[in-house]
Amino acid sequence: MMICIAEMPSYTYAVKGKKLLSSKNIRCSIIRNEKTSSGSCGYMLNIDENCEKALSLLDKSGISYKKITDGGAL
């Protein structure tokens, strides 16, 4: 399955992002990343579908994310 990953600046933003995307029927999950980059809290959103729409919704809602990785596989 192709996914995109958004590193979140805090666990709170990860939860807000998941709630927002789930309310729009976009599948995602919060996962913990032990190898964090600078400015990341170590939590990420794995977005399972429609990455462009999901990221647009996060932007419009003021939910910050640090880095996007496309094409990962779970």
PDB file of N, CA and C in Angstrom:
ATOM      1  N   MET A   1       0.844  -1.169   0.000  1.00  0.00           N
ATOM      2  CA  MET A   1       0.000   0.000   0.000  1.00  0.00           C
ATOM      3  C   MET A   1       0.892   1.236   0.000  1.00  0.00           C
ATOM      4  N   MET A   2       0.616   2.187  -0.852  1.00  0.00           N
ATOM      5  CA  MET A   2       1.373   3.425  -0.912  1.00  0.00           C
ATOM      6  C   MET A   2       0.814   4.408   0.101  1.00  0.00           C
ATOM      7  N   ILE A   3       1.718   5.076   0.809  1.00  0.00           N
ATOM      8  CA  ILE A   3       1.311   6.029   1.829  1.00  0.00           C
ATOM      9  C   ILE A   3       2.174   7.280   1.725  1.00  0.00           C
ATOM     10  N   CYS A   4       1.790   8.323   2.429  1.00  0.00           N
ATOM     11  CA  CYS A   4       2.694   9.440   2.657  1.00  0.00           C
ATOM     12  C   CYS A   4       2.764   9.660   4.160  1.00  0.00           C
ATOM     13  N   ILE A   5       3.876  10.188   4.589  1.00  0.00           N
ATOM     14  CA  ILE A   5       4.136  10.349   6.011  1.00  0.00           C
ATOM     15  C   ILE A   5       4.376  11.821   6.305  1.00  0.00           C
ATOM     16  N   ALA A   6       3.684  12.335   7.316  1.00  0.00           N
ATOM     17  CA  ALA A   6       3.864  13.714   7.763  1.00  0.00           C
ATOM     18  C   ALA A   6       4.394  13.687   9.191  1.00  0.00           C
ATOM     19  N   GLU A   7       5.589  14.234   9.405  1.00  0.00           N
ATOM     20  CA  GLU A   7       6.130  14.343  10.754  1.00  0.00           C
ATOM     21  C   GLU A   7       5.431  15.515  11.447  1.00  0.00           C
ATOM     22  N   MET A   8       4.992  15.284  12.650  1.00  0.00           N
ATOM     23  CA  MET A   8       4.223  16.285  13.378  1.00  0.00           C
ATOM     24  C   MET A   8       5.094  16.967  14.434  1.00  0.00           C
ATOM     25  N   PRO A   9       4.839  18.257  14.719  1.00  0.00           N
ATOM     26  CA  PRO A   9       5.636  18.965  15.717  1.00  0.00           C
ATOM     27  C   PRO A   9       5.267  18.594  17.159  1.00  0.00           C
ATOM     28  N   SER A  10       4.099  18.001  17.367  1.00  0.00           N
ATOM     29  CA  SER A  10       3.699  17.578  18.710  1.00  0.00           C
ATOM     30  C   SER A  10       2.661  16.465  18.602  1.00  0.00           C
ATOM     31  N   TYR A  11       2.496  15.732  19.701  1.00  0.00           N
ATOM     32  CA  TYR A  11       1.478  14.685  19.732  1.00  0.00           C
ATOM     33  C   TYR A  11       0.090  15.295  19.565  1.00  0.00           C
ATOM     34  N   THR A  12      -0.114  16.479  20.130  1.00  0.00           N
ATOM     35  CA  THR A  12      -1.409  17.166  20.011  1.00  0.00           C
ATOM     36  C   THR A  12      -1.762  17.422  18.551  1.00  0.00           C
ATOM     37  N   TYR A  13      -0.794  17.896  17.765  1.00  0.00           N
ATOM     38  CA  TYR A  13      -1.046  18.127  16.343  1.00  0.00           C
ATOM     39  C   TYR A  13      -1.320  16.814  15.612  1.00  0.00           C
ATOM     40  N   ALA A  14      -0.642  15.752  16.013  1.00  0.00           N
ATOM     41  CA  ALA A  14      -0.892  14.447  15.393  1.00  0.00           C
ATOM     42  C   ALA A  14      -2.340  14.015  15.628  1.00  0.00           C
ATOM     43  N   VAL A  15      -2.827  14.186  16.861  1.00  0.00           N
ATOM     44  CA  VAL A  15      -4.206  13.802  17.182  1.00  0.00           C
ATOM     45  C   VAL A  15      -5.199  14.692  16.430  1.00  0.00           C
ATOM     46  N   LYS A  16      -4.942  15.998  16.401  1.00  0.00           N
ATOM     47  CA  LYS A  16      -5.831  16.913  15.667  1.00  0.00           C
ATOM     48  C   LYS A  16      -5.872  16.546  14.185  1.00  0.00           C
ATOM     49  N   GLY A  17      -4.698  16.258  13.617  1.00  0.00           N
ATOM     50  CA  GLY A  17      -4.641  15.883  12.203  1.00  0.00           C
ATOM     51  C   GLY A  17      -5.406  14.604  11.927  1.00  0.00           C
ATOM     52  N   LYS A  18      -5.239  13.605  12.777  1.00  0.00           N
ATOM     53  CA  LYS A  18      -5.956  12.332  12.593  1.00  0.00           C
ATOM     54  C   LYS A  18      -7.456  12.544  12.681  1.00  0.00           C
ATOM     55  N   LYS A  19      -7.915  13.323  13.664  1.00  0.00           N
ATOM     56  CA  LYS A  19      -9.351  13.573  13.798  1.00  0.00           C
ATOM     57  C   LYS A  19      -9.903  14.285  12.566  1.00  0.00           C
ATOM     58  N   LEU A  20      -9.175  15.290  12.087  1.00  0.00           N
ATOM     59  CA  LEU A  20      -9.619  16.028  10.905  1.00  0.00           C
ATOM     60  C   LEU A  20      -9.715  15.109   9.692  1.00  0.00           C
ATOM     61  N   LEU A  21      -8.660  14.372   9.418  1.00  0.00           N
ATOM     62  CA  LEU A  21      -8.644  13.517   8.232  1.00  0.00           C
ATOM     63  C   LEU A  21      -9.677  12.399   8.334  1.00  0.00           C
ATOM     64  N   SER A  22      -9.818  11.829   9.511  1.00  0.00           N
ATOM     65  CA  SER A  22     -10.827  10.781   9.697  1.00  0.00           C
ATOM     66  C   SER A  22     -12.234  11.317   9.473  1.00  0.00           C
ATOM     67  N   SER A  23     -12.477  12.562   9.875  1.00  0.00           N
ATOM     68  CA  SER A  23     -13.804  13.160   9.673  1.00  0.00           C
ATOM     69  C   SER A  23     -14.113  13.373   8.190  1.00  0.00           C
ATOM     70  N   LYS A  24     -13.064  13.416   7.374  1.00  0.00           N
ATOM     71  CA  LYS A  24     -13.224  13.570   5.919  1.00  0.00           C
ATOM     72  C   LYS A  24     -13.049  12.242   5.191  1.00  0.00           C
ATOM     73  N   ASN A  25     -13.123  11.140   5.939  1.00  0.00           N
ATOM     74  CA  ASN A  25     -13.003   9.782   5.394  1.00  0.00           C
ATOM     75  C   ASN A  25     -11.668   9.516   4.703  1.00  0.00           C
ATOM     76  N   ILE A  26     -10.608  10.111   5.233  1.00  0.00           N
ATOM     77  CA  ILE A  26      -9.256   9.834   4.752  1.00  0.00           C
ATOM     78  C   ILE A  26      -8.582   8.979   5.814  1.00  0.00           C
ATOM     79  N   ARG A  27      -8.193   7.772   5.429  1.00  0.00           N
ATOM     80  CA  ARG A  27      -7.591   6.840   6.379  1.00  0.00           C
ATOM     81  C   ARG A  27      -6.177   7.278   6.736  1.00  0.00           C
ATOM     82  N   CYS A  28      -5.905   7.305   8.035  1.00  0.00           N
ATOM     83  CA  CYS A  28      -4.566   7.619   8.511  1.00  0.00           C
ATOM     84  C   CYS A  28      -4.385   7.028   9.894  1.00  0.00           C
ATOM     85  N   SER A  29      -3.141   6.975  10.332  1.00  0.00           N
ATOM     86  CA  SER A  29      -2.852   6.471  11.672  1.00  0.00           C
ATOM     87  C   SER A  29      -1.677   7.253  12.247  1.00  0.00           C
ATOM     88  N   ILE A  30      -1.623   7.291  13.561  1.00  0.00           N
ATOM     89  CA  ILE A  30      -0.515   7.925  14.261  1.00  0.00           C
ATOM     90  C   ILE A  30       0.475   6.835  14.636  1.00  0.00           C
ATOM     91  N   ILE A  31       1.735   7.067  14.306  1.00  0.00           N
ATOM     92  CA  ILE A  31       2.771   6.111  14.704  1.00  0.00           C
ATOM     93  C   ILE A  31       3.917   6.860  15.369  1.00  0.00           C
ATOM     94  N   ARG A  32       4.668   6.147  16.157  1.00  0.00           N
ATOM     95  CA  ARG A  32       5.835   6.703  16.848  1.00  0.00           C
ATOM     96  C   ARG A  32       7.066   6.415  16.016  1.00  0.00           C
ATOM     97  N   ASN A  33       7.905   7.414  15.843  1.00  0.00           N
ATOM     98  CA  ASN A  33       9.153   7.257  15.102  1.00  0.00           C
ATOM     99  C   ASN A  33      10.311   7.485  16.057  1.00  0.00           C
ATOM    100  N   GLU A  34      11.134   6.500  16.241  1.00  0.00           N
ATOM    101  CA  GLU A  34      12.289   6.627  17.141  1.00  0.00           C
ATOM    102  C   GLU A  34      13.389   7.487  16.533  1.00  0.00           C
ATOM    103  N   LYS A  35      13.453   7.560  15.210  1.00  0.00           N
ATOM    104  CA  LYS A  35      14.485   8.354  14.526  1.00  0.00           C
ATOM    105  C   LYS A  35      13.857   9.669  14.071  1.00  0.00           C
ATOM    106  N   THR A  36      13.783  10.626  14.968  1.00  0.00           N
ATOM    107  CA  THR A  36      13.131  11.885  14.659  1.00  0.00           C
ATOM    108  C   THR A  36      14.112  12.869  14.037  1.00  0.00           C
ATOM    109  N   SER A  37      13.569  13.762  13.225  1.00  0.00           N
ATOM    110  CA  SER A  37      14.377  14.840  12.669  1.00  0.00           C
ATOM    111  C   SER A  37      14.247  16.058  13.579  1.00  0.00           C
ATOM    112  N   SER A  38      15.046  17.042  13.335  1.00  0.00           N
ATOM    113  CA  SER A  38      14.997  18.266  14.124  1.00  0.00           C
ATOM    114  C   SER A  38      13.619  18.911  14.022  1.00  0.00           C
ATOM    115  N   GLY A  39      13.032  19.271  15.147  1.00  0.00           N
ATOM    116  CA  GLY A  39      11.720  19.914  15.155  1.00  0.00           C
ATOM    117  C   GLY A  39      10.548  18.960  15.193  1.00  0.00           C
ATOM    118  N   SER A  40      10.820  17.686  15.228  1.00  0.00           N
ATOM    119  CA  SER A  40       9.746  16.693  15.283  1.00  0.00           C
ATOM    120  C   SER A  40       9.656  16.122  16.688  1.00  0.00           C
ATOM    121  N   CYS A  41       8.431  15.819  17.110  1.00  0.00           N
ATOM    122  CA  CYS A  41       8.224  15.255  18.444  1.00  0.00           C
ATOM    123  C   CYS A  41       8.391  13.747  18.450  1.00  0.00           C
ATOM    124  N   GLY A  42       8.464  13.157  17.279  1.00  0.00           N
ATOM    125  CA  GLY A  42       8.587  11.713  17.188  1.00  0.00           C
ATOM    126  C   GLY A  42       7.299  11.018  16.799  1.00  0.00           C
ATOM    127  N   TYR A  43       6.235  11.794  16.588  1.00  0.00           N
ATOM    128  CA  TYR A  43       4.971  11.210  16.121  1.00  0.00           C
ATOM    129  C   TYR A  43       4.732  11.619  14.675  1.00  0.00           C
ATOM    130  N   MET A  44       4.176  10.686  13.925  1.00  0.00           N
ATOM    131  CA  MET A  44       3.926  10.912  12.503  1.00  0.00           C
ATOM    132  C   MET A  44       2.516  10.477  12.158  1.00  0.00           C
ATOM    133  N   LEU A  45       2.013  11.059  11.087  1.00  0.00           N
ATOM    134  CA  LEU A  45       0.760  10.588  10.508  1.00  0.00           C
ATOM    135  C   LEU A  45       1.097   9.787   9.268  1.00  0.00           C
ATOM    136  N   ASN A  46       0.657   8.549   9.216  1.00  0.00           N
ATOM    137  CA  ASN A  46       0.721   7.754   7.990  1.00  0.00           C
ATOM    138  C   ASN A  46      -0.612   7.945   7.292  1.00  0.00           C
ATOM    139  N   ILE A  47      -0.570   8.573   6.144  1.00  0.00           N
ATOM    140  CA  ILE A  47      -1.793   8.865   5.393  1.00  0.00           C
ATOM    141  C   ILE A  47      -1.889   7.831   4.283  1.00  0.00           C
ATOM    142  N   ASP A  48      -2.958   7.033   4.323  1.00  0.00           N
ATOM    143  CA  ASP A  48      -3.078   5.871   3.439  1.00  0.00           C
ATOM    144  C   ASP A  48      -3.635   6.176   2.056  1.00  0.00           C
ATOM    145  N   GLU A  49      -4.189   7.338   1.866  1.00  0.00           N
ATOM    146  CA  GLU A  49      -4.827   7.628   0.582  1.00  0.00           C
ATOM    147  C   GLU A  49      -4.946   9.123   0.377  1.00  0.00           C
ATOM    148  N   ASN A  50      -5.045   9.535  -0.871  1.00  0.00           N
ATOM    149  CA  ASN A  50      -5.333  10.915  -1.238  1.00  0.00           C
ATOM    150  C   ASN A  50      -4.458  11.913  -0.492  1.00  0.00           C
ATOM    151  N   CYS A  51      -3.150  11.753  -0.628  1.00  0.00           N
ATOM    152  CA  CYS A  51      -2.203  12.584   0.114  1.00  0.00           C
ATOM    153  C   CYS A  51      -2.363  14.072  -0.178  1.00  0.00           C
ATOM    154  N   GLU A  52      -2.541  14.431  -1.428  1.00  0.00           N
ATOM    155  CA  GLU A  52      -2.676  15.850  -1.776  1.00  0.00           C
ATOM    156  C   GLU A  52      -3.862  16.487  -1.067  1.00  0.00           C
ATOM    157  N   LYS A  53      -4.998  15.826  -1.065  1.00  0.00           N
ATOM    158  CA  LYS A  53      -6.180  16.343  -0.387  1.00  0.00           C
ATOM    159  C   LYS A  53      -5.949  16.417   1.116  1.00  0.00           C
ATOM    160  N   ALA A  54      -5.332  15.391   1.681  1.00  0.00           N
ATOM    161  CA  ALA A  54      -5.070  15.355   3.115  1.00  0.00           C
ATOM    162  C   ALA A  54      -4.168  16.509   3.531  1.00  0.00           C
ATOM    163  N   LEU A  55      -3.092  16.736   2.795  1.00  0.00           N
ATOM    164  CA  LEU A  55      -2.163  17.807   3.149  1.00  0.00           C
ATOM    165  C   LEU A  55      -2.800  19.176   2.971  1.00  0.00           C
ATOM    166  N   SER A  56      -3.629  19.306   1.969  1.00  0.00           N
ATOM    167  CA  SER A  56      -4.365  20.560   1.774  1.00  0.00           C
ATOM    168  C   SER A  56      -5.284  20.839   2.962  1.00  0.00           C
ATOM    169  N   LEU A  57      -5.972  19.810   3.449  1.00  0.00           N
ATOM    170  CA  LEU A  57      -6.843  19.973   4.612  1.00  0.00           C
ATOM    171  C   LEU A  57      -6.040  20.360   5.860  1.00  0.00           C
ATOM    172  N   LEU A  58      -4.883  19.739   6.047  1.00  0.00           N
ATOM    173  CA  LEU A  58      -4.041  20.089   7.186  1.00  0.00           C
ATOM    174  C   LEU A  58      -3.602  21.551   7.101  1.00  0.00           C
ATOM    175  N   ASP A  59      -3.181  21.975   5.899  1.00  0.00           N
ATOM    176  CA  ASP A  59      -2.755  23.363   5.696  1.00  0.00           C
ATOM    177  C   ASP A  59      -3.886  24.342   5.992  1.00  0.00           C
ATOM    178  N   LYS A  60      -5.056  24.088   5.419  1.00  0.00           N
ATOM    179  CA  LYS A  60      -6.195  24.993   5.588  1.00  0.00           C
ATOM    180  C   LYS A  60      -6.661  25.078   7.034  1.00  0.00           C
ATOM    181  N   SER A  61      -6.440  24.013   7.798  1.00  0.00           N
ATOM    182  CA  SER A  61      -6.874  23.976   9.194  1.00  0.00           C
ATOM    183  C   SER A  61      -5.797  24.457  10.161  1.00  0.00           C
ATOM    184  N   GLY A  62      -4.639  24.830   9.641  1.00  0.00           N
ATOM    185  CA  GLY A  62      -3.564  25.322  10.490  1.00  0.00           C
ATOM    186  C   GLY A  62      -2.877  24.246  11.307  1.00  0.00           C
ATOM    187  N   ILE A  63      -2.952  23.024  10.847  1.00  0.00           N
ATOM    188  CA  ILE A  63      -2.293  21.909  11.537  1.00  0.00           C
ATOM    189  C   ILE A  63      -0.905  21.734  10.922  1.00  0.00           C
ATOM    190  N   SER A  64       0.110  22.033  11.715  1.00  0.00           N
ATOM    191  CA  SER A  64       1.494  22.016  11.232  1.00  0.00           C
ATOM    192  C   SER A  64       2.019  20.605  11.039  1.00  0.00           C
ATOM    193  N   TYR A  65       2.886  20.466  10.080  1.00  0.00           N
ATOM    194  CA  TYR A  65       3.643  19.224   9.880  1.00  0.00           C
ATOM    195  C   TYR A  65       4.994  19.625   9.347  1.00  0.00           C
ATOM    196  N   LYS A  66       5.992  18.807   9.610  1.00  0.00           N
ATOM    197  CA  LYS A  66       7.365  19.196   9.307  1.00  0.00           C
ATOM    198  C   LYS A  66       7.906  18.654   7.995  1.00  0.00           C
ATOM    199  N   LYS A  67       7.618  17.422   7.682  1.00  0.00           N
ATOM    200  CA  LYS A  67       8.279  16.781   6.547  1.00  0.00           C
ATOM    201  C   LYS A  67       7.341  15.768   5.931  1.00  0.00           C
ATOM    202  N   ILE A  68       7.407  15.676   4.641  1.00  0.00           N
ATOM    203  CA  ILE A  68       6.570  14.715   3.925  1.00  0.00           C
ATOM    204  C   ILE A  68       7.467  13.719   3.204  1.00  0.00           C
ATOM    205  N   THR A  69       7.131  12.455   3.331  1.00  0.00           N
ATOM    206  CA  THR A  69       7.791  11.404   2.574  1.00  0.00           C
ATOM    207  C   THR A  69       6.710  10.688   1.772  1.00  0.00           C
ATOM    208  N   ASP A  70       6.900  10.611   0.472  1.00  0.00           N
ATOM    209  CA  ASP A  70       5.926   9.932  -0.394  1.00  0.00           C
ATOM    210  C   ASP A  70       6.398   8.539  -0.737  1.00  0.00           C
ATOM    211  N   GLY A  71       5.413   7.663  -0.924  1.00  0.00           N
ATOM    212  CA  GLY A  71       5.690   6.365  -1.499  1.00  0.00           C
ATOM    213  C   GLY A  71       6.213   5.311  -0.552  1.00  0.00           C
ATOM    214  N   GLY A  72       6.090   5.524   0.738  1.00  0.00           N
ATOM    215  CA  GLY A  72       6.501   4.485   1.683  1.00  0.00           C
ATOM    216  C   GLY A  72       5.565   3.311   1.616  1.00  0.00           C
ATOM    217  N   ALA A  73       5.975   2.233   2.136  1.00  0.00           N
ATOM    218  CA  ALA A  73       5.106   1.045   2.151  1.00  0.00           C
ATOM    219  C   ALA A  73       5.030   0.509   3.565  1.00  0.00           C
ATOM    220  N   LEU A  74       3.840   0.074   3.939  1.00  0.00           N
ATOM    221  CA  LEU A  74       3.655  -0.568   5.240  1.00  0.00           C
ATOM    222  C   LEU A  74       3.422  -2.037   5.046  1.00  0.00           C
TER     223      LEU A  74
END
